[in-house]
Protein backbone atom coordinates (compact mmCIF):
# COMPACT_ATOMS: atom_id res chain seq x y z
CA MET A 1 -86.61 -31.21 106.86
CA LYS A 2 -88.59 -28.15 105.75
CA TYR A 3 -91.65 -28.03 103.52
CA LEU A 4 -93.42 -25.09 101.90
CA ILE A 5 -97.19 -25.53 101.73
CA VAL A 6 -98.76 -22.79 99.61
CA GLY A 7 -102.50 -22.24 99.70
CA LEU A 8 -103.50 -20.19 96.67
CA GLY A 9 -106.10 -17.46 96.97
CA ASN A 10 -106.73 -13.74 96.84
CA ILE A 11 -106.40 -11.39 99.79
CA GLY A 12 -109.27 -9.15 100.85
CA SER A 13 -112.58 -9.68 102.59
CA GLU A 14 -114.49 -9.80 99.29
CA TYR A 15 -112.63 -13.04 98.43
CA HIS A 16 -112.99 -14.67 101.86
CA GLU A 17 -114.19 -18.28 101.50
CA THR A 18 -114.80 -18.02 97.76
CA ARG A 19 -114.16 -21.06 95.59
CA HIS A 20 -110.92 -19.55 94.24
CA ASN A 21 -109.67 -19.24 97.85
CA ILE A 22 -109.91 -22.91 98.77
CA GLY A 23 -106.09 -22.99 99.07
CA PHE A 24 -106.27 -20.35 101.83
CA MET A 25 -109.03 -22.37 103.50
CA VAL A 26 -106.91 -25.55 103.54
CA VAL A 27 -103.83 -23.91 105.10
CA ASP A 28 -106.07 -21.98 107.54
CA ALA A 29 -107.56 -25.31 108.67
CA LEU A 30 -104.07 -26.80 109.13
CA ALA A 31 -102.97 -23.80 111.19
CA ARG A 32 -106.14 -23.91 113.31
CA GLU A 33 -105.69 -27.61 114.02
CA ALA A 34 -102.06 -27.03 115.07
CA GLY A 35 -102.94 -23.97 117.16
CA VAL A 36 -100.63 -21.65 115.21
CA SER A 37 -101.50 -18.30 113.66
CA PHE A 38 -100.38 -16.49 110.55
CA SER A 39 -98.24 -13.39 110.60
CA ASP A 40 -97.85 -10.99 107.69
CA GLY A 41 -94.52 -10.98 105.90
CA ARG A 42 -93.08 -10.21 102.53
CA TYR A 43 -95.29 -11.52 99.70
CA GLY A 44 -97.72 -13.19 102.11
CA ALA A 45 -98.80 -14.42 105.50
CA THR A 46 -96.96 -17.40 106.99
CA ALA A 47 -97.37 -19.82 109.87
CA THR A 48 -95.02 -22.60 110.92
CA LEU A 49 -95.93 -25.94 112.41
CA SER A 50 -94.04 -29.14 113.13
CA ILE A 51 -95.14 -32.73 112.57
CA LYS A 52 -92.87 -35.61 113.55
CA GLY A 53 -89.65 -33.65 113.01
CA ARG A 54 -90.80 -32.02 109.78
CA GLN A 55 -91.24 -28.25 109.67
CA LEU A 56 -94.12 -27.00 107.53
CA LEU A 57 -94.14 -23.37 106.45
CA LEU A 58 -97.72 -22.52 105.49
CA LEU A 59 -98.02 -19.61 103.05
CA LYS A 60 -100.98 -17.53 101.90
CA PRO A 61 -99.56 -15.29 99.15
CA SER A 62 -100.54 -11.61 99.27
CA THR A 63 -99.68 -11.16 95.57
CA TYR A 64 -103.16 -12.03 94.31
CA MET A 65 -103.63 -15.20 92.30
CA ASN A 66 -102.11 -14.03 89.01
CA LEU A 67 -98.71 -13.27 90.61
CA SER A 68 -98.51 -16.25 93.00
CA GLY A 69 -95.15 -17.33 91.58
CA ASN A 70 -93.44 -14.29 93.13
CA ALA A 71 -94.42 -15.39 96.62
CA VAL A 72 -93.57 -19.06 96.00
CA ARG A 73 -90.10 -18.23 94.62
CA TYR A 74 -89.35 -15.72 97.41
CA TRP A 75 -90.21 -18.09 100.26
CA MET A 76 -88.49 -21.10 98.63
CA GLN A 77 -85.29 -19.04 98.34
CA LYS A 78 -85.57 -17.35 101.74
CA GLU A 79 -86.17 -20.63 103.60
CA HIS A 80 -83.92 -22.78 101.34
CA ILE A 81 -86.77 -25.16 100.46
CA ASP A 82 -86.36 -27.38 97.40
CA LEU A 83 -89.02 -27.77 94.72
CA GLU A 84 -89.54 -31.39 95.87
CA GLN A 85 -90.54 -30.11 99.31
CA THR A 86 -93.03 -27.57 97.93
CA LEU A 87 -96.77 -28.24 97.60
CA ILE A 88 -99.31 -25.89 96.02
CA VAL A 89 -102.96 -26.21 97.14
CA VAL A 90 -105.30 -24.98 94.42
CA ASP A 91 -108.94 -24.93 93.30
CA ASP A 92 -109.87 -27.01 90.26
CA ILE A 93 -113.07 -26.64 88.22
CA ALA A 94 -112.39 -29.90 86.33
CA LEU A 95 -113.06 -31.92 89.51
CA PRO A 96 -116.44 -32.32 91.24
CA PHE A 97 -116.80 -30.45 94.52
CA GLY A 98 -114.65 -31.87 97.31
CA THR A 99 -112.66 -34.25 95.11
CA LEU A 100 -108.98 -34.15 96.08
CA ARG A 101 -106.16 -35.09 93.69
CA LEU A 102 -102.44 -34.91 94.38
CA LYS A 103 -100.14 -34.63 91.37
CA GLY A 104 -96.37 -34.35 91.07
CA GLN A 105 -96.54 -32.17 87.98
CA GLY A 106 -98.85 -31.16 85.19
CA SER A 107 -100.20 -28.31 83.12
CA ASP A 108 -101.78 -25.21 84.60
CA ALA A 109 -105.14 -26.24 83.03
CA GLY A 110 -105.95 -22.56 82.51
CA HIS A 111 -105.39 -21.67 86.18
CA ASN A 112 -103.63 -18.30 86.34
CA GLY A 113 -102.00 -18.99 89.71
CA LEU A 114 -100.43 -22.25 88.50
CA LYS A 115 -99.48 -20.60 85.21
CA HIS A 116 -97.54 -17.83 86.97
CA ILE A 117 -95.84 -20.30 89.33
CA ALA A 118 -94.67 -22.39 86.34
CA GLU A 119 -93.45 -19.26 84.52
CA THR A 120 -91.62 -17.99 87.60
CA LEU A 121 -90.02 -21.31 88.57
CA GLY A 122 -89.34 -22.30 84.96
CA THR A 123 -91.00 -25.70 85.37
CA GLN A 124 -94.37 -27.41 85.71
CA ALA A 125 -92.76 -30.21 87.74
CA TYR A 126 -93.99 -29.15 91.16
CA ALA A 127 -96.49 -30.90 93.41
CA ARG A 128 -100.04 -29.62 93.60
CA LEU A 129 -103.06 -30.68 95.57
CA ARG A 130 -106.13 -29.98 93.46
CA PHE A 131 -109.34 -29.36 95.40
CA GLY A 132 -112.42 -29.81 93.22
CA ILE A 133 -114.86 -26.90 93.19
CA GLY A 134 -117.07 -28.26 90.39
CA ASN A 135 -118.12 -26.44 87.24
CA ASP A 136 -121.81 -25.79 87.66
CA PHE A 137 -121.92 -22.52 85.77
CA PRO A 138 -123.39 -21.33 82.48
CA ARG A 139 -121.10 -20.68 79.52
CA GLY A 140 -119.08 -17.49 79.94
CA MET A 141 -119.67 -17.30 83.70
CA GLN A 142 -116.50 -19.06 84.91
CA ILE A 143 -114.98 -15.97 86.58
CA ASP A 144 -118.17 -15.21 88.52
CA TYR A 145 -118.36 -18.86 89.54
CA VAL A 146 -114.79 -19.23 90.86
CA LEU A 147 -114.99 -15.88 92.64
CA GLY A 148 -118.38 -16.83 94.09
CA HIS A 149 -119.13 -18.53 97.38
CA PHE A 150 -119.75 -22.20 98.04
CA THR A 151 -123.36 -23.33 98.43
CA PRO A 152 -124.71 -23.94 101.96
CA GLU A 153 -124.68 -27.69 101.17
CA GLN A 154 -121.02 -27.53 100.17
CA MET A 155 -120.14 -25.51 103.31
CA GLU A 156 -121.76 -28.25 105.40
CA LEU A 157 -119.37 -30.80 103.86
CA MET A 158 -116.37 -28.44 104.04
CA PRO A 159 -114.98 -29.38 107.51
CA GLU A 160 -114.60 -33.03 106.50
CA ARG A 161 -113.10 -32.15 103.09
CA LEU A 162 -110.64 -29.71 104.71
CA LYS A 163 -109.66 -32.41 107.21
CA VAL A 164 -108.88 -34.88 104.40
CA ALA A 165 -106.95 -32.18 102.51
CA GLY A 166 -104.91 -31.61 105.68
CA GLU A 167 -104.23 -35.35 105.96
CA ILE A 168 -102.95 -35.35 102.37
CA VAL A 169 -100.64 -32.40 103.08
CA LYS A 170 -99.23 -34.14 106.18
CA SER A 171 -98.80 -37.43 104.30
CA PHE A 172 -96.98 -35.58 101.48
CA CYS A 173 -94.48 -34.31 104.07
CA LEU A 174 -94.15 -37.56 106.04
CA ALA A 175 -94.54 -40.37 103.49
CA GLY A 176 -93.72 -38.64 100.19
CA ILE A 177 -95.73 -37.88 97.10
CA ASN A 178 -95.95 -41.40 95.58
CA ILE A 179 -97.26 -43.14 98.69
CA THR A 180 -99.68 -40.26 99.30
CA MET A 181 -101.00 -40.32 95.72
CA ASN A 182 -101.51 -44.10 95.93
CA GLN A 183 -103.35 -43.78 99.24
CA TYR A 184 -105.58 -40.75 98.56
CA ASN A 185 -106.11 -40.39 94.79
CA LYS A 186 -108.20 -43.58 94.68
CA ARG A 187 -110.86 -42.20 97.00
């Protein structure tokens, strides 16, 4: 069985390891752990890894955040991957830093990447792993905040948080969304 794991982010060195690029950071960590590397392709960079008979196609869209749906739709169609086997990893300002929440569907909550994916796929019923980045910014400074870098304290905690995010992704593929939500959303 094949799964599409999409880490949302923006390409370019100026966005490297910014809060908005936490999706890239999660799939990068998964690829590193598996010893696989990304190669550039249409609409994004991909890497493939296997876990217990499941094939995971990791995707970092090259479309920039606001057009993420184009990459998701292309790779779902190209690889014949169903919506139920697709997981979007995304930053979320509504959650405190490092909080991880898996959901089977939901609104875009003002996130342009999720909004474009829903518009492109014609549904909001797709799985997403929300990685909390916090919301410690003054009024009107949201864009600067999400495009800014994590604090040194947050970067110190990042390896452990990325490891747990990776465990959630693997559990989603091996045990399914309901078991994974029950196991990890309580933490």
